[in-house]
Amino acid sequence: MARTLRVVPAYGRDYKGLDAAKADWAEGKDFEIRNLFDPDDGRKVNKADFPQGEVLLRYDMLRKQGVLQASSEVKKPVLSNWNPAIQGVL
């Protein structure tokens, strides 16, 4: 299962828009993990440290939230209860 990180810009940086933040994430700039119940809370992280999984960013003075990196894990539908007759396929 892929992990989800919640991060904020590190070293006093801030972004007015998500595009600039995505560009810095792609360049490998550091962001700070902000998740109260995560043992890594406060640790610096960048794309090289976390190549897979979802990364959520708080930006614009922590008033907005966006996705820096989408999860690479593909979720497959559960078909154990699927019945073609009920679904109108037959």
C-alpha atoms as a PDB file:
ATOM      1  CA  MET A   1       0.000   0.000   0.000  1.00  0.00           C
ATOM      2  CA  ALA A   2       1.351   3.396  -0.971  1.00  0.00           C
ATOM      3  CA  ARG A   3       1.978   5.962   1.709  1.00  0.00           C
ATOM      4  CA  THR A   4       0.529   9.487   1.648  1.00  0.00           C
ATOM      5  CA  LEU A   5       2.702  12.390   2.796  1.00  0.00           C
ATOM      6  CA  ARG A   6       1.414  15.790   3.851  1.00  0.00           C
ATOM      7  CA  VAL A   7       4.104  18.416   3.341  1.00  0.00           C
ATOM      8  CA  VAL A   8       4.734  22.172   3.516  1.00  0.00           C
ATOM      9  CA  PRO A   9       7.518  24.144   1.812  1.00  0.00           C
ATOM     10  CA  ALA A  10      10.791  24.039   3.776  1.00  0.00           C
ATOM     11  CA  TYR A  11      13.187  26.833   4.718  1.00  0.00           C
ATOM     12  CA  GLY A  12      10.554  29.585   4.713  1.00  0.00           C
ATOM     13  CA  ARG A  13       9.512  29.148   1.089  1.00  0.00           C
ATOM     14  CA  ASP A  14       5.886  29.685   0.104  1.00  0.00           C
ATOM     15  CA  TYR A  15       3.988  29.399  -3.163  1.00  0.00           C
ATOM     16  CA  LYS A  16       1.069  31.402  -4.509  1.00  0.00           C
ATOM     17  CA  GLY A  17       0.246  28.682  -7.032  1.00  0.00           C
ATOM     18  CA  LEU A  18       0.575  24.929  -7.258  1.00  0.00           C
ATOM     19  CA  ASP A  19       2.502  24.994 -10.562  1.00  0.00           C
ATOM     20  CA  ALA A  20       5.567  26.613  -8.959  1.00  0.00           C
ATOM     21  CA  ALA A  21       5.487  24.071  -6.139  1.00  0.00           C
ATOM     22  CA  LYS A  22       5.275  21.170  -8.601  1.00  0.00           C
ATOM     23  CA  ALA A  23       8.276  22.579 -10.486  1.00  0.00           C
ATOM     24  CA  ASP A  24      10.322  22.752  -7.255  1.00  0.00           C
ATOM     25  CA  TRP A  25       9.251  19.209  -6.294  1.00  0.00           C
ATOM     26  CA  ALA A  26      10.403  17.984  -9.725  1.00  0.00           C
ATOM     27  CA  GLU A  27      13.745  19.807  -9.248  1.00  0.00           C
ATOM     28  CA  GLY A  28      14.280  17.988  -5.952  1.00  0.00           C
ATOM     29  CA  LYS A  29      13.868  20.888  -3.512  1.00  0.00           C
ATOM     30  CA  ASP A  30      13.137  20.037   0.109  1.00  0.00           C
ATOM     31  CA  PHE A  31       9.714  20.060   1.722  1.00  0.00           C
ATOM     32  CA  GLU A  32       8.878  19.401   5.372  1.00  0.00           C
ATOM     33  CA  ILE A  33       6.600  16.557   6.461  1.00  0.00           C
ATOM     34  CA  ARG A  34       3.666  17.872   8.478  1.00  0.00           C
ATOM     35  CA  ASN A  35       1.550  15.100   9.903  1.00  0.00           C
ATOM     36  CA  LEU A  36       1.013  15.129  13.637  1.00  0.00           C
ATOM     37  CA  PHE A  37       0.830  11.347  14.057  1.00  0.00           C
ATOM     38  CA  ASP A  38       3.631  10.479  11.636  1.00  0.00           C
ATOM     39  CA  PRO A  39       6.962   9.540  13.250  1.00  0.00           C
ATOM     40  CA  ASP A  40       8.687  11.517  10.463  1.00  0.00           C
ATOM     41  CA  ASP A  41       6.841  14.767  11.309  1.00  0.00           C
ATOM     42  CA  GLY A  42       9.220  17.690  10.798  1.00  0.00           C
ATOM     43  CA  ARG A  43      11.709  15.759   8.664  1.00  0.00           C
ATOM     44  CA  LYS A  44      12.784  17.211   5.321  1.00  0.00           C
ATOM     45  CA  VAL A  45      11.885  15.210   2.219  1.00  0.00           C
ATOM     46  CA  ASN A  46      12.201  15.605  -1.548  1.00  0.00           C
ATOM     47  CA  LYS A  47      11.228  13.637  -4.642  1.00  0.00           C
ATOM     48  CA  ALA A  48      14.354  11.456  -4.477  1.00  0.00           C
ATOM     49  CA  ASP A  49      13.404  10.388  -0.935  1.00  0.00           C
ATOM     50  CA  PHE A  50       9.819   9.580  -1.873  1.00  0.00           C
ATOM     51  CA  PRO A  51       9.572   8.435  -5.521  1.00  0.00           C
ATOM     52  CA  GLN A  52       6.223   6.612  -5.109  1.00  0.00           C
ATOM     53  CA  GLY A  53       3.038   7.445  -3.286  1.00  0.00           C
ATOM     54  CA  GLU A  54       0.864  10.502  -2.948  1.00  0.00           C
ATOM     55  CA  VAL A  55       2.235  13.848  -1.759  1.00  0.00           C
ATOM     56  CA  LEU A  56      -0.210  16.512  -0.581  1.00  0.00           C
ATOM     57  CA  LEU A  57       1.023  20.087  -0.188  1.00  0.00           C
ATOM     58  CA  ARG A  58      -0.255  22.980   1.923  1.00  0.00           C
ATOM     59  CA  TYR A  59       0.724  26.298   0.304  1.00  0.00           C
ATOM     60  CA  ASP A  60      -0.208  30.015   0.074  1.00  0.00           C
ATOM     61  CA  MET A  61       0.385  30.576   3.800  1.00  0.00           C
ATOM     62  CA  LEU A  62      -1.125  27.108   4.483  1.00  0.00           C
ATOM     63  CA  ARG A  63      -4.546  28.215   3.186  1.00  0.00           C
ATOM     64  CA  LYS A  64      -4.644  25.985   0.103  1.00  0.00           C
ATOM     65  CA  GLN A  65      -3.957  22.333  -0.551  1.00  0.00           C
ATOM     66  CA  GLY A  66      -2.955  20.499  -3.717  1.00  0.00           C
ATOM     67  CA  VAL A  67      -1.437  17.266  -4.961  1.00  0.00           C
ATOM     68  CA  LEU A  68       2.285  17.438  -5.780  1.00  0.00           C
ATOM     69  CA  GLN A  69       2.575  13.812  -6.793  1.00  0.00           C
ATOM     70  CA  ALA A  70      -0.234  11.386  -7.478  1.00  0.00           C
ATOM     71  CA  SER A  71      -0.065   7.847  -6.227  1.00  0.00           C
ATOM     72  CA  SER A  72       1.525   5.473  -8.714  1.00  0.00           C
ATOM     73  CA  GLU A  73      -0.376   2.554  -7.230  1.00  0.00           C
ATOM     74  CA  VAL A  74      -3.224   1.465  -9.486  1.00  0.00           C
ATOM     75  CA  LYS A  75      -6.312   0.473  -7.548  1.00  0.00           C
ATOM     76  CA  LYS A  76      -8.031  -2.520  -9.088  1.00  0.00           C
ATOM     77  CA  PRO A  77     -11.800  -2.846  -8.693  1.00  0.00           C
ATOM     78  CA  VAL A  78     -13.100  -5.605  -6.496  1.00  0.00           C
ATOM     79  CA  LEU A  79     -15.145  -7.942  -8.653  1.00  0.00           C
ATOM     80  CA  SER A  80     -15.957 -10.682  -6.157  1.00  0.00           C
ATOM     81  CA  ASN A  81     -19.631  -9.646  -5.937  1.00  0.00           C
ATOM     82  CA  TRP A  82     -19.967  -8.706  -9.591  1.00  0.00           C
ATOM     83  CA  ASN A  83     -22.814 -10.412 -11.405  1.00  0.00           C
ATOM     84  CA  PRO A  84     -23.225  -9.695 -15.144  1.00  0.00           C
ATOM     85  CA  ALA A  85     -26.976 -10.333 -15.006  1.00  0.00           C
ATOM     86  CA  ILE A  86     -27.460  -7.730 -12.266  1.00  0.00           C
ATOM     87  CA  GLN A  87     -25.156  -5.229 -13.972  1.00  0.00           C
ATOM     88  CA  GLY A  88     -27.199  -5.411 -17.197  1.00  0.00           C
ATOM     89  CA  VAL A  89     -24.374  -6.892 -19.237  1.00  0.00           C
ATOM     90  CA  LEU A  90     -26.335 -10.036 -20.224  1.00  0.00           C
END
